[in-house]
Structure formats: C-alpha cells, structure tokens
C-alpha cells in the first residue's frame, strides 16, 4: 500500500510539473512590428511563424512543440532592451531577431546574461558577432562582406562618376557606408561627399542641392528604405540625375511606393534570392496562398528557425548553450540551403549579389537579381 501510494504521488508530481516531453519550447520573435520598418518586421514574423508551424506539424523540436511569443522593438534600441527583458521574464529560450543592428547588439547582451540564444535574420553589422558572446548567430551576411561587394561594383561600373556617400548615422547605415567607402577607396574611387542624415528626416532638399552643386551622379546610401525612397523621389523632383546604390536595408517593395517611378534603375546588394531556389517552390506558394509575399528576410527568418530546430535535434537537447555548440559544429538544411556557422556565429553561405529595381511581370517595380 505504501509503495502504491508513493508511486501515485510520484505520478501526480510528474503530471503537475511536467517532463520535457510535454513542455513547449518558447521561441521569441523580436522585430519592428509597428513603425516605419514594420514591413521588415512582418517578414521576420511571418517567416518564423510559418517555420514554427511546419516544424510543429512534423513533430516539433525533439518532440516538443514550439510556442511563439512576439516583441515589438519599433527599431528603437531602448525599446529593444525592454523587449529583451520581457522575453527573459516569459521564459524564452531562443530569439529569432532583431532586424536592426542597433537593436540586436544591445539586446544580445541581455540574452547572453540570461541563457538565451539569438539568431538574427537581418542584423549585418560585424560587431554583432565580434564580441566573443556564446549566443550570437545570424543567417544573413555582414556589412564588411556587403560593403566590399558594393565598393568593388562602384569601382568597376562607375569609376569616373562623382560619388556621394550618405548614411543615416545608425550602426547599420553608417557601418555599411563606411565599409563601402573603404572598399571603393581601395579600388581607386574617392567620394566627393560623405555626410550623415537623421533617421526620420523627410526633407532632403538642402542635401540634394549640395549634391547638384558637386555634380554627383551616384549616391551610395547607407540606411533603410524609408529615407532612401524620399531621397530618390526628391532628387528626381529637383532635377538631380543620379543613380542610388544601396544595401539590404532597402529590400522592401515599399521603396517603390515611396520613390515612385524614379526608383527605376536603383541598385542594391543582398544575398542570392532564396525564393528562386527550386526546393522552395512549394514553400513560396504556401506563403502567397496565405496572402503574404515572402520577400527579402522572410526566408532568412524561416531558416533561422530551421537552424535552431536542427541544432537542437543534433544536440539532443533544447538547452540553448548545447544548441549553440551544435550550431558551430554541424550543417543544417534550410530554406537558404545547407547552412553552417563559424566560431563567431556567422554563416557559411554564398556572398552578396547585386539587384536592380525594374518592373516585374505584374508591371510593378521591384528588385530583381542581376543575371537571373
């Protein structure tokens, strides 16, 4: 009787407190879900949510279901810290995010101190993975890689042009502009202007007048699509015939909505388009059937979730530190292809390529990978 009673108590305790087989793996998505960069936040959110849904349908992570929690950082570093602390309180083990480097870098320190692993699909500033933290990974490239490609492209295609390098003073925008400047200068191109503007500025008439006086024909922009679209539109309105070249911060079809027809011919670097991979045809169709175009970072976010699940399976554990070790020692199938990570947490993936904004089959302007 005593033995039976003890067994019953033990069984009750197991049911009450639960074993790992019945638990959820809490994975957070941190991104600008509102504000001027909400289009990018939607990409990260939708990508992660669809991946979680597909992984759960296939049995989850080591038999446990993924539970998603969302955090809106509105692209603000202070709000990003608040979101990070909320994730800690929510029992989050992993974070897919954030979008901005200026948010990802300080938030990752909160995560490191609290045993949370972060994979960003979008933060490209090298500092993110250069601090020796155990928990920082990304499925995208770095600005020193992206800037190198952009600087060489400027030298190869616009060597005799008068180039203005403009940035938004953020860790991402200025970081990318500086890397591009470094590569362009090394290749023999010296800019005639180098200036910073403020995020949220709406009137660039004084800057454009200055560029007209300097005879600028190429504008390299380090920043996001919101200001880029206004610069393109206002430059055209003021009669400045200059081509804008930029990075992955403008890869949203919202750019065309802001810039109008003047967006035609704009160039930007980004990774090879994962939606063109034959293996992703059904996945892309699944997103579109749900009314969402999986552009830009959507599949990078999907891949981040796949990497977490694959590494947890390899580790036989959902302990974030063990998953981090597995990420650095394995190779995992994702929507981006087979992905592995170096000791810093940077992915070993194909490099950046150039895109040009032109009209697609539907007659709307979009960014199209050159050579496809």
Protein backbone atom coordinates (compact mmCIF):
# COMPACT_ATOMS: atom_id res chain seq x y z
CA UNK A 1 0.00 0.00 0.00
CA UNK A 2 2.85 2.32 0.93
CA UNK A 3 4.61 1.57 -2.35
CA UNK A 4 1.42 2.19 -4.36
CA UNK A 5 0.85 5.48 -2.54
CA UNK A 6 4.41 6.60 -3.26
CA UNK A 7 4.02 5.70 -6.94
CA UNK A 8 0.77 7.66 -7.10
CA UNK A 9 2.41 10.69 -5.52
CA UNK A 10 5.33 10.48 -7.95
CA UNK A 11 2.96 10.17 -10.90
CA UNK A 12 0.94 13.15 -9.68
CA UNK A 13 4.12 15.20 -9.37
CA UNK A 14 5.16 14.29 -12.88
CA UNK A 15 1.81 15.33 -14.28
CA UNK A 16 1.74 18.53 -12.22
CA UNK A 17 5.22 19.70 -13.06
CA UNK A 18 5.55 18.09 -16.44
CA UNK A 19 8.51 16.46 -18.07
CA UNK A 20 10.32 17.80 -21.09
CA UNK A 21 8.23 15.63 -23.39
CA UNK A 22 5.12 17.69 -22.58
CA UNK A 23 6.74 21.11 -22.45
CA UNK A 24 6.75 23.88 -25.04
CA UNK A 25 9.92 25.37 -26.45
CA UNK A 26 9.35 29.10 -26.15
CA UNK A 27 10.90 30.95 -29.09
CA UNK A 28 10.53 34.71 -29.36
CA UNK A 29 10.41 36.88 -32.45
CA UNK A 30 11.82 40.35 -31.86
CA UNK A 31 11.32 42.86 -34.67
CA UNK A 32 9.80 46.23 -35.58
CA UNK A 33 6.19 45.06 -35.83
CA UNK A 34 4.97 48.66 -35.94
CA UNK A 35 6.51 51.93 -37.10
CA UNK A 36 8.31 52.84 -40.34
CA UNK A 37 10.13 49.50 -40.58
CA UNK A 38 7.07 47.31 -39.95
CA UNK A 39 7.39 45.81 -43.44
CA UNK A 40 10.66 44.21 -42.37
CA UNK A 41 9.14 43.18 -39.06
CA UNK A 42 6.36 41.40 -40.92
CA UNK A 43 8.93 39.48 -42.97
CA UNK A 44 10.70 38.26 -39.85
CA UNK A 45 7.44 37.45 -38.03
CA UNK A 46 5.79 35.61 -40.92
CA UNK A 47 8.93 33.65 -41.73
CA UNK A 48 9.39 32.47 -38.16
CA UNK A 49 5.71 31.68 -37.65
CA UNK A 50 5.47 29.59 -40.80
CA UNK A 51 8.63 27.70 -39.90
CA UNK A 52 7.30 27.00 -36.41
CA UNK A 53 4.02 25.77 -37.87
CA UNK A 54 5.83 23.44 -40.29
CA UNK A 55 8.25 22.16 -37.64
CA UNK A 56 5.41 21.53 -35.18
CA UNK A 57 3.44 19.66 -37.85
CA UNK A 58 6.49 17.40 -38.34
CA UNK A 59 6.71 16.58 -34.63
CA UNK A 60 8.26 19.71 -33.17
CA UNK A 61 11.72 20.07 -31.65
CA UNK A 62 12.73 16.78 -30.04
CA UNK A 63 9.05 16.03 -29.55
CA UNK A 64 8.26 19.41 -28.03
CA UNK A 65 6.05 21.99 -29.71
CA UNK A 66 7.28 25.48 -30.48
CA UNK A 67 5.41 28.31 -28.81
CA UNK A 68 5.97 31.72 -30.42
CA UNK A 69 5.92 34.98 -28.45
CA UNK A 70 6.25 38.35 -30.15
CA UNK A 71 8.09 41.52 -29.14
CA UNK A 72 7.75 44.86 -30.96
CA UNK A 73 11.02 46.80 -30.73
CA UNK A 74 9.89 49.52 -33.21
CA UNK A 75 13.54 49.67 -34.41
CA UNK A 76 14.48 51.50 -31.20
CA UNK A 77 17.45 50.29 -29.09
CA UNK A 78 15.82 51.29 -25.77
CA UNK A 79 12.60 49.52 -26.68
CA UNK A 80 14.69 46.56 -27.81
CA UNK A 81 16.17 46.28 -24.30
CA UNK A 82 12.65 46.36 -22.82
CA UNK A 83 11.54 43.63 -25.22
CA UNK A 84 14.61 41.56 -24.34
CA UNK A 85 13.85 41.80 -20.62
CA UNK A 86 10.24 40.80 -21.24
CA UNK A 87 11.45 37.75 -23.17
CA UNK A 88 13.57 36.79 -20.16
CA UNK A 89 10.50 37.04 -17.93
CA UNK A 90 8.46 34.97 -20.42
CA UNK A 91 10.88 32.04 -20.16
CA UNK A 92 12.16 32.38 -23.72
CA UNK A 93 15.00 30.04 -24.73
CA UNK A 94 15.67 31.30 -28.25
CA UNK A 95 15.12 34.55 -30.15
CA UNK A 96 14.71 34.98 -33.89
CA UNK A 97 15.55 38.67 -34.40
CA UNK A 98 16.13 41.51 -34.27
CA UNK A 99 16.03 43.41 -37.55
CA UNK A 100 18.23 46.42 -36.77
CA UNK A 101 21.88 46.03 -35.80
CA UNK A 102 21.43 48.90 -33.35
CA UNK A 103 18.78 46.85 -31.55
CA UNK A 104 20.34 43.40 -31.94
CA UNK A 105 23.69 44.36 -30.42
CA UNK A 106 22.48 45.63 -27.01
CA UNK A 107 19.63 43.09 -26.81
CA UNK A 108 22.06 40.21 -27.34
CA UNK A 109 23.90 41.17 -24.16
CA UNK A 110 20.68 40.79 -22.16
CA UNK A 111 20.15 37.41 -23.79
CA UNK A 112 23.73 36.27 -23.11
CA UNK A 113 23.40 37.06 -19.42
CA UNK A 114 20.14 35.13 -19.18
CA UNK A 115 20.97 31.98 -21.14
CA UNK A 116 19.08 32.87 -24.33
CA UNK A 117 20.39 32.13 -27.83
CA UNK A 118 19.73 34.72 -30.56
CA UNK A 119 19.76 34.21 -34.33
CA UNK A 120 19.19 37.36 -36.35
CA UNK A 121 17.99 37.05 -39.94
CA UNK A 122 18.87 40.65 -40.73
CA UNK A 123 21.40 42.43 -38.48
CA UNK A 124 24.55 42.78 -40.58
CA UNK A 125 26.89 44.98 -38.51
CA UNK A 126 30.07 42.94 -37.86
CA UNK A 127 30.10 43.93 -34.17
CA UNK A 128 27.13 41.65 -33.51
CA UNK A 129 29.31 38.53 -33.78
CA UNK A 130 32.69 40.08 -32.94
CA UNK A 131 32.31 40.40 -29.14
CA UNK A 132 33.01 36.80 -28.21
CA UNK A 133 29.49 36.13 -26.92
CA UNK A 134 28.39 32.48 -26.87
CA UNK A 135 24.84 33.19 -28.05
CA UNK A 136 25.02 35.36 -31.20
CA UNK A 137 24.29 33.89 -34.64
CA UNK A 138 22.94 35.19 -37.93
CA UNK A 139 21.59 33.72 -41.13
CA UNK A 140 22.45 36.85 -43.13
CA UNK A 141 25.84 38.19 -44.16
CA UNK A 142 27.95 41.02 -42.72
CA UNK A 143 28.48 44.61 -43.78
CA UNK A 144 32.19 44.13 -44.30
CA UNK A 145 31.26 41.50 -46.90
CA UNK A 146 28.41 43.55 -48.36
CA UNK A 147 30.42 46.77 -48.39
CA UNK A 148 33.27 45.02 -50.14
CA UNK A 149 30.98 43.91 -52.95
CA UNK A 150 29.38 47.36 -53.24
CA UNK A 151 32.71 49.19 -53.25
CA UNK A 152 34.09 46.95 -55.98
CA UNK A 153 30.89 47.37 -58.01
CA UNK A 154 31.21 51.15 -57.80
CA UNK A 155 34.82 50.93 -58.99
CA UNK A 156 34.01 48.51 -61.80
CA UNK A 157 30.94 50.34 -63.13
CA UNK A 158 31.20 53.97 -62.04
CA UNK A 159 34.93 54.64 -61.71
CA UNK A 160 34.76 58.11 -63.28
CA UNK A 161 31.50 59.17 -61.63
CA UNK A 162 31.22 61.70 -58.83
CA UNK A 163 30.03 59.69 -55.86
CA UNK A 164 28.29 60.92 -52.72
CA UNK A 165 28.22 58.56 -49.72
CA UNK A 166 25.29 59.33 -47.43
CA UNK A 167 24.26 57.43 -44.30
CA UNK A 168 21.68 57.55 -41.51
CA UNK A 169 24.14 57.62 -38.57
CA UNK A 170 22.99 54.22 -37.26
CA UNK A 171 25.23 51.21 -36.56
CA UNK A 172 23.81 49.58 -39.68
CA UNK A 173 23.67 52.54 -42.05
CA UNK A 174 26.94 54.22 -41.16
CA UNK A 175 28.65 50.87 -40.74
CA UNK A 176 27.67 49.79 -44.25
CA UNK A 177 28.56 53.18 -45.73
CA UNK A 178 31.99 53.06 -44.10
CA UNK A 179 32.70 49.53 -45.34
CA UNK A 180 31.64 50.53 -48.86
CA UNK A 181 33.76 53.68 -48.68
CA UNK A 182 36.77 51.65 -47.56
CA UNK A 183 36.42 49.20 -50.45
CA UNK A 184 35.71 51.89 -53.04
CA UNK A 185 38.67 53.99 -51.89
CA UNK A 186 40.96 50.96 -52.05
CA UNK A 187 39.79 50.37 -55.64
CA UNK A 188 40.57 53.94 -56.67
CA UNK A 189 37.20 55.67 -56.19
CA UNK A 190 37.16 58.71 -53.92
CA UNK A 191 33.83 60.22 -52.96
CA UNK A 192 33.15 63.93 -53.42
CA UNK A 193 30.77 63.97 -50.43
CA UNK A 194 30.38 62.00 -47.23
CA UNK A 195 27.52 63.05 -44.98
CA UNK A 196 25.08 61.74 -42.40
CA UNK A 197 21.37 62.49 -42.06
CA UNK A 198 18.93 61.65 -39.30
CA UNK A 199 16.54 58.72 -39.26
CA UNK A 200 13.07 60.11 -39.76
CA UNK A 201 14.13 63.14 -41.82
CA UNK A 202 11.61 64.00 -44.51
CA UNK A 203 13.08 66.98 -46.36
CA UNK A 204 16.35 66.37 -48.21
CA UNK A 205 16.24 69.45 -50.46
CA UNK A 206 19.36 71.05 -48.94
CA UNK A 207 21.33 67.81 -49.27
CA UNK A 208 20.18 67.37 -52.87
CA UNK A 209 21.11 70.96 -53.75
CA UNK A 210 24.58 70.33 -52.36
CA UNK A 211 24.89 67.15 -54.43
CA UNK A 212 23.78 69.04 -57.57
CA UNK A 213 26.46 71.66 -56.98
CA UNK A 214 29.07 68.89 -56.60
CA UNK A 215 27.97 67.24 -59.85
CA UNK A 216 27.05 63.97 -58.12
CA UNK A 217 25.78 61.22 -60.42
CA UNK A 218 25.99 58.26 -57.99
CA UNK A 219 24.55 58.29 -54.47
CA UNK A 220 25.61 55.47 -52.18
CA UNK A 221 23.06 55.23 -49.37
CA UNK A 222 23.74 53.51 -46.06
CA UNK A 223 20.36 53.19 -44.42
CA UNK A 224 16.81 51.93 -44.83
CA UNK A 225 14.13 52.19 -47.49
CA UNK A 226 12.12 54.92 -45.77
CA UNK A 227 14.69 57.68 -46.23
CA UNK A 228 16.05 56.14 -49.45
CA UNK A 229 12.67 56.42 -51.15
CA UNK A 230 12.37 60.09 -50.23
CA UNK A 231 15.90 60.85 -51.43
CA UNK A 232 15.20 59.15 -54.78
CA UNK A 233 11.87 60.95 -55.26
CA UNK A 234 13.11 64.39 -54.18
CA UNK A 235 16.30 64.09 -56.24
CA UNK A 236 14.20 63.43 -59.34
CA UNK A 237 11.87 66.32 -58.49
CA UNK A 238 14.82 68.69 -58.11
CA UNK A 239 16.39 67.59 -61.39
CA UNK A 240 19.34 65.71 -59.92
CA UNK A 241 20.07 62.90 -62.35
CA UNK A 242 21.76 60.47 -60.02
CA UNK A 243 21.50 56.72 -59.51
CA UNK A 244 21.08 55.48 -55.97
CA UNK A 245 23.06 52.41 -54.89
CA UNK A 246 22.43 50.86 -51.50
CA UNK A 247 22.40 47.68 -49.42
CA UNK A 248 19.96 45.20 -47.97
CA UNK A 249 18.20 47.89 -45.95
CA UNK A 250 16.08 48.90 -48.94
CA UNK A 251 14.85 45.43 -49.90
CA UNK A 252 11.16 46.10 -49.41
CA UNK A 253 8.67 46.76 -52.17
CA UNK A 254 7.58 49.72 -50.06
CA UNK A 255 10.60 51.53 -51.54
CA UNK A 256 8.80 51.80 -54.88
CA UNK A 257 5.68 53.10 -53.15
CA UNK A 258 7.72 55.92 -51.62
CA UNK A 259 10.02 56.71 -54.55
CA UNK A 260 7.52 56.26 -57.37
CA UNK A 261 8.74 55.74 -60.95
CA UNK A 262 12.07 57.36 -60.05
CA UNK A 263 13.04 54.08 -58.36
CA UNK A 264 13.79 52.54 -61.76
CA UNK A 265 17.47 51.68 -62.09
CA UNK A 266 18.20 51.82 -58.36
CA UNK A 267 20.75 49.19 -57.31
CA UNK A 268 21.21 47.29 -54.07
CA UNK A 269 23.20 44.40 -52.67
CA UNK A 270 21.52 41.43 -51.00
CA UNK A 271 22.08 37.69 -50.71
CA UNK A 272 21.05 35.40 -53.58
CA UNK A 273 17.24 35.37 -53.73
CA UNK A 274 16.11 32.22 -51.84
CA UNK A 275 12.65 32.38 -53.41
CA UNK A 276 14.30 31.38 -56.71
CA UNK A 277 15.57 28.09 -55.28
CA UNK A 278 13.60 25.21 -56.86
CA UNK A 279 13.49 23.50 -53.46
CA UNK A 280 11.49 26.44 -52.09
CA UNK A 281 8.78 26.49 -54.74
CA UNK A 282 6.11 24.89 -52.55
CA UNK A 283 7.11 26.97 -49.55
CA UNK A 284 6.87 30.21 -51.53
CA UNK A 285 3.47 29.18 -52.84
CA UNK A 286 2.34 28.42 -49.28
CA UNK A 287 3.19 31.97 -48.21
CA UNK A 288 1.48 33.50 -51.23
CA UNK A 289 -1.63 31.38 -50.71
CA UNK A 290 -1.83 32.91 -47.24
CA UNK A 291 -1.68 36.38 -48.79
CA UNK A 292 1.95 37.18 -47.96
CA UNK A 293 4.82 37.77 -50.39
CA UNK A 294 7.89 36.09 -48.82
CA UNK A 295 10.34 38.75 -49.97
CA UNK A 296 13.69 39.75 -48.53
CA UNK A 297 14.19 38.46 -44.97
CA UNK A 298 11.17 36.15 -44.80
CA UNK A 299 13.08 33.00 -45.71
CA UNK A 300 16.11 34.13 -43.71
CA UNK A 301 13.83 34.12 -40.67
CA UNK A 302 12.37 30.76 -41.70
CA UNK A 303 15.93 29.42 -41.96
CA UNK A 304 16.82 30.74 -38.50
CA UNK A 305 14.02 28.67 -37.01
CA UNK A 306 15.11 25.63 -39.02
CA UNK A 307 18.68 26.04 -37.75
CA UNK A 308 17.51 26.14 -34.13
CA UNK A 309 15.40 23.00 -34.63
CA UNK A 310 18.19 21.17 -36.48
CA UNK A 311 20.81 22.02 -33.89
CA UNK A 312 18.51 21.04 -31.00
CA UNK A 313 17.97 17.68 -32.65
CA UNK A 314 21.72 17.24 -33.13
CA UNK A 315 22.35 18.19 -29.51
CA UNK A 316 19.50 16.04 -28.23
CA UNK A 317 18.57 18.98 -26.06
CA UNK A 318 16.82 22.35 -26.05
CA UNK A 319 19.37 23.81 -23.66
CA UNK A 320 20.48 26.99 -25.50
CA UNK A 321 24.19 26.57 -24.70
CA UNK A 322 24.18 23.00 -26.02
CA UNK A 323 22.28 24.15 -29.11
CA UNK A 324 24.88 26.89 -29.63
CA UNK A 325 27.64 24.28 -29.56
CA UNK A 326 25.75 22.16 -32.08
CA UNK A 327 25.23 25.13 -34.40
CA UNK A 328 29.00 25.67 -34.53
CA UNK A 329 29.80 22.05 -35.29
CA UNK A 330 27.07 20.92 -37.67
CA UNK A 331 25.47 21.59 -41.04
CA UNK A 332 21.71 22.04 -41.31
CA UNK A 333 19.26 22.01 -44.24
CA UNK A 334 17.35 25.29 -44.51
CA UNK A 335 15.42 27.40 -46.99
CA UNK A 336 18.74 29.13 -47.74
CA UNK A 337 20.45 25.83 -48.49
CA UNK A 338 22.82 23.86 -46.29
CA UNK A 339 23.97 26.21 -43.56
CA UNK A 340 26.81 26.00 -41.06
CA UNK A 341 28.31 28.58 -38.73
CA UNK A 342 31.83 29.57 -37.79
CA UNK A 343 33.05 30.03 -34.23
CA UNK A 344 31.75 33.60 -34.16
CA UNK A 345 28.25 32.60 -35.25
CA UNK A 346 28.48 33.89 -38.82
CA UNK A 347 27.00 31.67 -41.54
CA UNK A 348 28.97 30.00 -44.28
CA UNK A 349 26.76 30.96 -47.21
CA UNK A 350 27.16 32.36 -50.75
CA UNK A 351 28.09 36.05 -50.77
CA UNK A 352 26.18 39.15 -51.78
CA UNK A 353 24.97 39.87 -55.30
CA UNK A 354 23.59 42.99 -56.99
CA UNK A 355 19.92 43.70 -57.65
CA UNK A 356 18.33 46.29 -59.92
CA UNK A 357 14.93 47.88 -59.47
CA UNK A 358 12.78 47.43 -62.57
CA UNK A 359 9.25 46.46 -63.47
CA UNK A 360 8.35 42.83 -62.81
CA UNK A 361 5.88 40.64 -64.72
CA UNK A 362 3.00 42.35 -62.89
CA UNK A 363 4.10 45.78 -64.11
CA UNK A 364 5.15 46.91 -60.63
CA UNK A 365 8.66 47.98 -59.69
CA UNK A 366 10.64 45.51 -57.61
CA UNK A 367 14.25 44.47 -57.04
CA UNK A 368 15.45 41.78 -59.46
CA UNK A 369 18.69 39.88 -59.05
CA UNK A 370 21.08 40.72 -61.88
CA UNK A 371 21.82 37.81 -64.17
CA UNK A 372 18.54 35.96 -63.49
